[in-house]
Amino acid sequence: NVTPMIDVLLVLLIIFMITLPLSRRAFDVQVPLEQQQQKKQSRSDQIVLELTADGGYAINKQPYAFAQLDNAFHQIFDTRPAKLLFIKAAPTRKYGEVVQAMDVAHGAGVQVIGFTPGEGPQAGAH
């Protein structure tokens, strides 16, 4: 009489195994907010890639198009011994856009990528 109960449990196990991967679509990424008392002066030798809220890109406050990033990174990092880049993305930018910028930087020889604190309210999953 235990056989029908085992059959039901196996069917439930199969259903859960199928539905669990489908429920994991996105996740929230929250960067710590910048606080006034912890604000430090940026060092002149640091390279910061900023993904602005209007869809643009800027390296140390100088605007670039996405297609120009590869050449700009090569010019900057070919002569630098420390291949370190900081990324500061607006909360409205999508995660995929940040990953694309990271791929371009990695292709240009950047070895270490760090993230700087964001500003304002955090965005949800993108």
N, C-alpha and C. Protein backbone atom coordinates (compact mmCIF):
# COMPACT_ATOMS: atom_id res chain seq x y z
N ASN A 1 0.81 -1.20 0.00
CA ASN A 1 0.00 0.00 0.00
C ASN A 1 0.86 1.27 0.00
N VAL A 2 2.15 1.12 0.11
CA VAL A 2 3.04 2.27 0.12
C VAL A 2 3.41 2.70 -1.31
N THR A 3 3.26 1.81 -2.26
CA THR A 3 3.66 2.08 -3.64
C THR A 3 2.95 3.29 -4.24
N PRO A 4 1.62 3.46 -4.09
CA PRO A 4 0.98 4.66 -4.66
C PRO A 4 1.51 5.97 -4.04
N MET A 5 1.83 5.92 -2.76
CA MET A 5 2.34 7.13 -2.11
C MET A 5 3.75 7.47 -2.65
N ILE A 6 4.56 6.47 -2.90
CA ILE A 6 5.89 6.71 -3.47
C ILE A 6 5.76 7.27 -4.88
N ASP A 7 4.80 6.76 -5.65
CA ASP A 7 4.56 7.29 -7.00
C ASP A 7 4.19 8.77 -6.96
N VAL A 8 3.33 9.14 -6.02
CA VAL A 8 2.92 10.54 -5.89
C VAL A 8 4.12 11.41 -5.50
N LEU A 9 4.94 10.93 -4.59
CA LEU A 9 6.12 11.69 -4.18
C LEU A 9 7.11 11.85 -5.33
N LEU A 10 7.29 10.83 -6.13
CA LEU A 10 8.19 10.94 -7.28
C LEU A 10 7.66 11.94 -8.30
N VAL A 11 6.35 11.94 -8.52
CA VAL A 11 5.75 12.91 -9.45
C VAL A 11 5.95 14.33 -8.92
N LEU A 12 5.74 14.54 -7.62
CA LEU A 12 5.96 15.86 -7.03
C LEU A 12 7.43 16.28 -7.14
N LEU A 13 8.33 15.35 -6.92
CA LEU A 13 9.75 15.64 -7.05
C LEU A 13 10.10 16.09 -8.46
N ILE A 14 9.56 15.40 -9.45
CA ILE A 14 9.81 15.77 -10.85
C ILE A 14 9.24 17.15 -11.15
N ILE A 15 8.05 17.44 -10.65
CA ILE A 15 7.43 18.75 -10.88
C ILE A 15 8.29 19.85 -10.27
N PHE A 16 8.76 19.66 -9.04
CA PHE A 16 9.60 20.68 -8.40
C PHE A 16 10.94 20.84 -9.12
N MET A 17 11.50 19.74 -9.61
CA MET A 17 12.76 19.83 -10.33
C MET A 17 12.62 20.62 -11.62
N ILE A 18 11.46 20.54 -12.25
CA ILE A 18 11.23 21.26 -13.50
C ILE A 18 10.93 22.74 -13.24
N THR A 19 10.13 23.04 -12.22
CA THR A 19 9.72 24.42 -12.00
C THR A 19 10.76 25.26 -11.28
N LEU A 20 11.66 24.69 -10.52
CA LEU A 20 12.65 25.47 -9.78
C LEU A 20 13.57 26.29 -10.69
N PRO A 21 14.16 25.72 -11.74
CA PRO A 21 15.02 26.56 -12.60
C PRO A 21 14.25 27.67 -13.31
N LEU A 22 12.98 27.48 -13.58
CA LEU A 22 12.20 28.50 -14.27
C LEU A 22 11.91 29.70 -13.38
N SER A 23 11.95 29.53 -12.07
CA SER A 23 11.61 30.62 -11.16
C SER A 23 12.79 31.56 -10.93
N ARG A 24 13.99 31.21 -11.35
CA ARG A 24 15.18 32.04 -11.14
C ARG A 24 15.48 32.84 -12.41
N ARG A 25 14.82 33.98 -12.57
CA ARG A 25 15.02 34.78 -13.77
C ARG A 25 16.01 35.92 -13.56
N ALA A 26 15.94 36.59 -12.43
CA ALA A 26 16.78 37.76 -12.20
C ALA A 26 17.10 37.87 -10.73
N PHE A 27 18.04 38.71 -10.41
CA PHE A 27 18.38 38.94 -9.02
C PHE A 27 18.70 40.42 -8.85
N ASP A 28 18.52 40.90 -7.64
CA ASP A 28 18.79 42.30 -7.33
C ASP A 28 20.28 42.48 -7.05
N VAL A 29 20.83 43.51 -7.63
CA VAL A 29 22.20 43.89 -7.35
C VAL A 29 22.15 45.27 -6.71
N GLN A 30 22.60 45.38 -5.48
CA GLN A 30 22.58 46.66 -4.79
C GLN A 30 24.00 47.05 -4.41
N VAL A 31 24.37 48.22 -4.84
CA VAL A 31 25.69 48.76 -4.53
C VAL A 31 25.53 49.68 -3.33
N PRO A 32 26.46 49.68 -2.39
CA PRO A 32 26.32 50.56 -1.22
C PRO A 32 26.26 52.02 -1.65
N LEU A 33 25.43 52.79 -0.94
CA LEU A 33 25.28 54.21 -1.24
C LEU A 33 26.49 54.99 -0.75
N GLU A 34 26.80 56.03 -1.48
CA GLU A 34 27.91 56.89 -1.12
C GLU A 34 27.49 57.76 0.06
N GLN A 35 28.32 57.82 1.07
CA GLN A 35 28.00 58.62 2.25
C GLN A 35 28.97 59.78 2.34
N GLN A 36 28.45 60.93 2.77
CA GLN A 36 29.24 62.16 2.81
C GLN A 36 30.49 62.01 3.68
N GLN A 37 30.37 61.44 4.86
CA GLN A 37 31.52 61.38 5.75
C GLN A 37 32.59 60.42 5.25
N GLN A 38 32.23 59.49 4.37
CA GLN A 38 33.22 58.54 3.87
C GLN A 38 33.74 58.93 2.49
N LYS A 39 33.34 60.09 2.02
CA LYS A 39 33.75 60.53 0.70
C LYS A 39 35.25 60.80 0.70
N LYS A 40 35.95 60.19 -0.21
CA LYS A 40 37.39 60.41 -0.31
C LYS A 40 37.68 61.08 -1.65
N GLN A 41 38.73 61.83 -1.66
CA GLN A 41 39.14 62.45 -2.91
C GLN A 41 39.64 61.34 -3.84
N SER A 42 39.20 61.38 -5.09
CA SER A 42 39.66 60.37 -6.03
C SER A 42 41.10 60.66 -6.41
N ARG A 43 41.87 59.63 -6.49
CA ARG A 43 43.27 59.79 -6.85
C ARG A 43 43.37 60.07 -8.34
N SER A 44 44.35 60.84 -8.72
CA SER A 44 44.48 61.24 -10.12
C SER A 44 44.86 60.07 -11.01
N ASP A 45 45.43 59.02 -10.45
CA ASP A 45 45.84 57.89 -11.27
C ASP A 45 44.75 56.83 -11.40
N GLN A 46 43.62 57.03 -10.76
CA GLN A 46 42.52 56.06 -10.87
C GLN A 46 41.74 56.30 -12.16
N ILE A 47 41.35 55.22 -12.79
CA ILE A 47 40.52 55.29 -13.99
C ILE A 47 39.13 54.83 -13.60
N VAL A 48 38.14 55.70 -13.84
CA VAL A 48 36.75 55.40 -13.48
C VAL A 48 35.91 55.46 -14.74
N LEU A 49 35.25 54.35 -15.05
CA LEU A 49 34.28 54.30 -16.14
C LEU A 49 32.91 54.54 -15.54
N GLU A 50 32.24 55.57 -16.01
CA GLU A 50 30.92 55.90 -15.49
C GLU A 50 29.88 55.61 -16.56
N LEU A 51 28.86 54.83 -16.18
CA LEU A 51 27.71 54.58 -17.05
C LEU A 51 26.62 55.51 -16.56
N THR A 52 26.36 56.56 -17.32
CA THR A 52 25.46 57.61 -16.87
C THR A 52 24.00 57.22 -17.07
N ALA A 53 23.13 57.93 -16.38
CA ALA A 53 21.70 57.62 -16.43
C ALA A 53 21.11 57.89 -17.81
N ASP A 54 21.72 58.77 -18.59
CA ASP A 54 21.18 59.08 -19.92
C ASP A 54 21.64 58.10 -20.99
N GLY A 55 22.33 57.04 -20.61
CA GLY A 55 22.76 56.01 -21.55
C GLY A 55 24.16 56.20 -22.08
N GLY A 56 24.88 57.18 -21.58
CA GLY A 56 26.22 57.46 -22.06
C GLY A 56 27.29 56.80 -21.23
N TYR A 57 28.52 56.95 -21.69
CA TYR A 57 29.69 56.41 -21.02
C TYR A 57 30.70 57.54 -20.85
N ALA A 58 31.43 57.53 -19.75
CA ALA A 58 32.47 58.54 -19.52
C ALA A 58 33.63 57.88 -18.79
N ILE A 59 34.84 58.20 -19.24
CA ILE A 59 36.04 57.74 -18.56
C ILE A 59 36.67 58.96 -17.91
N ASN A 60 36.73 58.95 -16.58
CA ASN A 60 37.22 60.10 -15.81
C ASN A 60 36.55 61.40 -16.27
N LYS A 61 35.24 61.36 -16.35
CA LYS A 61 34.38 62.51 -16.69
C LYS A 61 34.45 62.94 -18.16
N GLN A 62 35.23 62.25 -18.98
CA GLN A 62 35.29 62.58 -20.41
C GLN A 62 34.36 61.63 -21.16
N PRO A 63 33.35 62.17 -21.88
CA PRO A 63 32.35 61.31 -22.53
C PRO A 63 32.93 60.54 -23.72
N TYR A 64 32.45 59.31 -23.86
CA TYR A 64 32.82 58.43 -24.96
C TYR A 64 31.58 57.70 -25.43
N ALA A 65 31.56 57.34 -26.72
CA ALA A 65 30.53 56.43 -27.23
C ALA A 65 30.98 55.00 -26.90
N PHE A 66 30.02 54.07 -26.87
CA PHE A 66 30.37 52.69 -26.53
C PHE A 66 31.40 52.13 -27.51
N ALA A 67 31.28 52.49 -28.79
CA ALA A 67 32.21 51.98 -29.80
C ALA A 67 33.63 52.51 -29.59
N GLN A 68 33.79 53.63 -28.90
CA GLN A 68 35.10 54.22 -28.67
C GLN A 68 35.79 53.68 -27.42
N LEU A 69 35.07 52.94 -26.59
CA LEU A 69 35.64 52.49 -25.32
C LEU A 69 36.85 51.60 -25.50
N ASP A 70 36.82 50.70 -26.48
CA ASP A 70 37.92 49.77 -26.68
C ASP A 70 39.22 50.53 -26.97
N ASN A 71 39.17 51.47 -27.91
CA ASN A 71 40.36 52.26 -28.24
C ASN A 71 40.82 53.09 -27.05
N ALA A 72 39.88 53.68 -26.33
CA ALA A 72 40.23 54.50 -25.17
C ALA A 72 40.90 53.66 -24.09
N PHE A 73 40.37 52.47 -23.83
CA PHE A 73 40.97 51.59 -22.83
C PHE A 73 42.38 51.17 -23.25
N HIS A 74 42.56 50.85 -24.54
CA HIS A 74 43.89 50.47 -25.00
C HIS A 74 44.88 51.62 -24.82
N GLN A 75 44.47 52.84 -25.16
CA GLN A 75 45.36 53.99 -25.00
C GLN A 75 45.73 54.20 -23.53
N ILE A 76 44.77 54.00 -22.65
CA ILE A 76 45.02 54.24 -21.23
C ILE A 76 45.85 53.12 -20.60
N PHE A 77 45.47 51.88 -20.86
CA PHE A 77 46.04 50.76 -20.10
C PHE A 77 47.26 50.11 -20.75
N ASP A 78 47.58 50.42 -22.00
CA ASP A 78 48.76 49.81 -22.62
C ASP A 78 50.05 50.26 -21.94
N THR A 79 50.06 51.47 -21.41
CA THR A 79 51.29 51.98 -20.79
C THR A 79 51.27 51.92 -19.27
N ARG A 80 50.19 51.46 -18.69
CA ARG A 80 50.06 51.45 -17.22
C ARG A 80 50.45 50.08 -16.67
N PRO A 81 51.25 50.05 -15.61
CA PRO A 81 51.57 48.76 -15.00
C PRO A 81 50.38 48.18 -14.22
N ALA A 82 49.59 49.05 -13.59
CA ALA A 82 48.43 48.59 -12.82
C ALA A 82 47.20 48.63 -13.72
N LYS A 83 46.67 47.48 -14.03
CA LYS A 83 45.51 47.36 -14.92
C LYS A 83 44.23 47.31 -14.08
N LEU A 84 43.91 48.44 -13.43
CA LEU A 84 42.79 48.52 -12.50
C LEU A 84 41.79 49.54 -13.00
N LEU A 85 40.51 49.15 -13.06
CA LEU A 85 39.43 50.02 -13.52
C LEU A 85 38.31 49.99 -12.50
N PHE A 86 37.76 51.16 -12.20
CA PHE A 86 36.59 51.26 -11.34
C PHE A 86 35.39 51.59 -12.22
N ILE A 87 34.26 50.97 -11.92
CA ILE A 87 33.03 51.22 -12.67
C ILE A 87 32.01 51.84 -11.73
N LYS A 88 31.40 52.91 -12.20
CA LYS A 88 30.34 53.58 -11.45
C LYS A 88 29.13 53.66 -12.38
N ALA A 89 28.11 52.88 -12.08
CA ALA A 89 26.94 52.81 -12.95
C ALA A 89 25.74 53.44 -12.27
N ALA A 90 24.96 54.18 -13.04
CA ALA A 90 23.72 54.75 -12.53
C ALA A 90 22.76 53.60 -12.21
N PRO A 91 21.94 53.74 -11.18
CA PRO A 91 21.02 52.66 -10.81
C PRO A 91 20.03 52.28 -11.91
N THR A 92 19.81 53.18 -12.86
CA THR A 92 18.86 52.89 -13.93
C THR A 92 19.46 52.08 -15.06
N ARG A 93 20.77 51.91 -15.07
CA ARG A 93 21.41 51.14 -16.14
C ARG A 93 21.20 49.65 -15.91
N LYS A 94 21.05 48.92 -16.99
CA LYS A 94 20.81 47.48 -16.91
C LYS A 94 22.12 46.73 -16.62
N TYR A 95 21.96 45.60 -15.96
CA TYR A 95 23.10 44.77 -15.60
C TYR A 95 23.88 44.34 -16.84
N GLY A 96 23.17 44.03 -17.91
CA GLY A 96 23.82 43.60 -19.15
C GLY A 96 24.72 44.66 -19.74
N GLU A 97 24.34 45.93 -19.61
CA GLU A 97 25.17 47.02 -20.12
C GLU A 97 26.48 47.12 -19.34
N VAL A 98 26.39 46.89 -18.04
CA VAL A 98 27.60 46.91 -17.20
C VAL A 98 28.51 45.76 -17.59
N VAL A 99 27.94 44.60 -17.83
CA VAL A 99 28.73 43.42 -18.22
C VAL A 99 29.40 43.65 -19.57
N GLN A 100 28.69 44.27 -20.52
CA GLN A 100 29.29 44.57 -21.82
C GLN A 100 30.49 45.50 -21.67
N ALA A 101 30.35 46.52 -20.83
CA ALA A 101 31.47 47.44 -20.59
C ALA A 101 32.63 46.70 -19.92
N MET A 102 32.33 45.78 -19.01
CA MET A 102 33.38 44.99 -18.37
C MET A 102 34.10 44.12 -19.39
N ASP A 103 33.34 43.54 -20.34
CA ASP A 103 33.96 42.71 -21.37
C ASP A 103 34.92 43.52 -22.24
N VAL A 104 34.50 44.73 -22.61
CA VAL A 104 35.37 45.59 -23.42
C VAL A 104 36.64 45.92 -22.65
N ALA A 105 36.49 46.25 -21.37
CA ALA A 105 37.65 46.58 -20.54
C ALA A 105 38.58 45.38 -20.40
N HIS A 106 38.01 44.22 -20.19
CA HIS A 106 38.83 43.01 -20.04
C HIS A 106 39.57 42.71 -21.34
N GLY A 107 38.90 42.92 -22.47
CA GLY A 107 39.54 42.72 -23.77
C GLY A 107 40.69 43.69 -24.02
N ALA A 108 40.64 44.84 -23.37
CA ALA A 108 41.71 45.84 -23.52
C ALA A 108 42.84 45.63 -22.53
N GLY A 109 42.77 44.59 -21.74
CA GLY A 109 43.86 44.26 -20.84
C GLY A 109 43.64 44.59 -19.38
N VAL A 110 42.45 45.06 -19.02
CA VAL A 110 42.17 45.37 -17.62
C VAL A 110 42.10 44.05 -16.85
N GLN A 111 42.85 43.98 -15.75
CA GLN A 111 42.90 42.74 -14.98
C GLN A 111 42.02 42.77 -13.75
N VAL A 112 41.83 43.95 -13.15
CA VAL A 112 41.03 44.07 -11.93
C VAL A 112 39.96 45.12 -12.16
N ILE A 113 38.71 44.77 -11.87
CA ILE A 113 37.59 45.70 -12.02
C ILE A 113 36.91 45.83 -10.67
N GLY A 114 36.75 47.06 -10.21
CA GLY A 114 36.07 47.34 -8.95
C GLY A 114 34.86 48.22 -9.20
N PHE A 115 33.96 48.26 -8.24
CA PHE A 115 32.76 49.07 -8.36
C PHE A 115 32.77 50.15 -7.29
N THR A 116 32.38 51.35 -7.68
CA THR A 116 32.28 52.45 -6.74
C THR A 116 30.84 52.56 -6.27
N PRO A 117 30.60 53.15 -5.12
CA PRO A 117 29.23 53.27 -4.61
C PRO A 117 28.36 54.10 -5.53
N GLY A 118 27.07 53.71 -5.59
CA GLY A 118 26.12 54.45 -6.40
C GLY A 118 25.51 55.59 -5.63
N GLU A 119 24.66 56.34 -6.29
CA GLU A 119 23.99 57.47 -5.66
C GLU A 119 22.49 57.30 -5.82
N GLY A 120 21.74 57.74 -4.85
CA GLY A 120 20.29 57.75 -4.95
C GLY A 120 19.67 56.41 -4.66
N PRO A 121 18.34 56.28 -4.94
CA PRO A 121 17.64 55.03 -4.64
C PRO A 121 18.10 53.91 -5.55
N GLN A 122 18.06 52.71 -5.01
CA GLN A 122 18.49 51.55 -5.76
C GLN A 122 17.40 51.10 -6.71
N ALA A 123 17.81 50.61 -7.87
CA ALA A 123 16.87 50.10 -8.85
C ALA A 123 16.60 48.63 -8.55
N GLY A 124 15.53 48.12 -9.11
CA GLY A 124 15.20 46.71 -8.93
C GLY A 124 15.98 45.84 -9.89
N ALA A 125 15.53 44.62 -10.07
CA ALA A 125 16.22 43.68 -10.94
C ALA A 125 16.01 44.08 -12.39
N HIS A 126 17.08 43.99 -13.17
CA HIS A 126 17.00 44.31 -14.60
C HIS A 126 17.45 43.12 -15.38
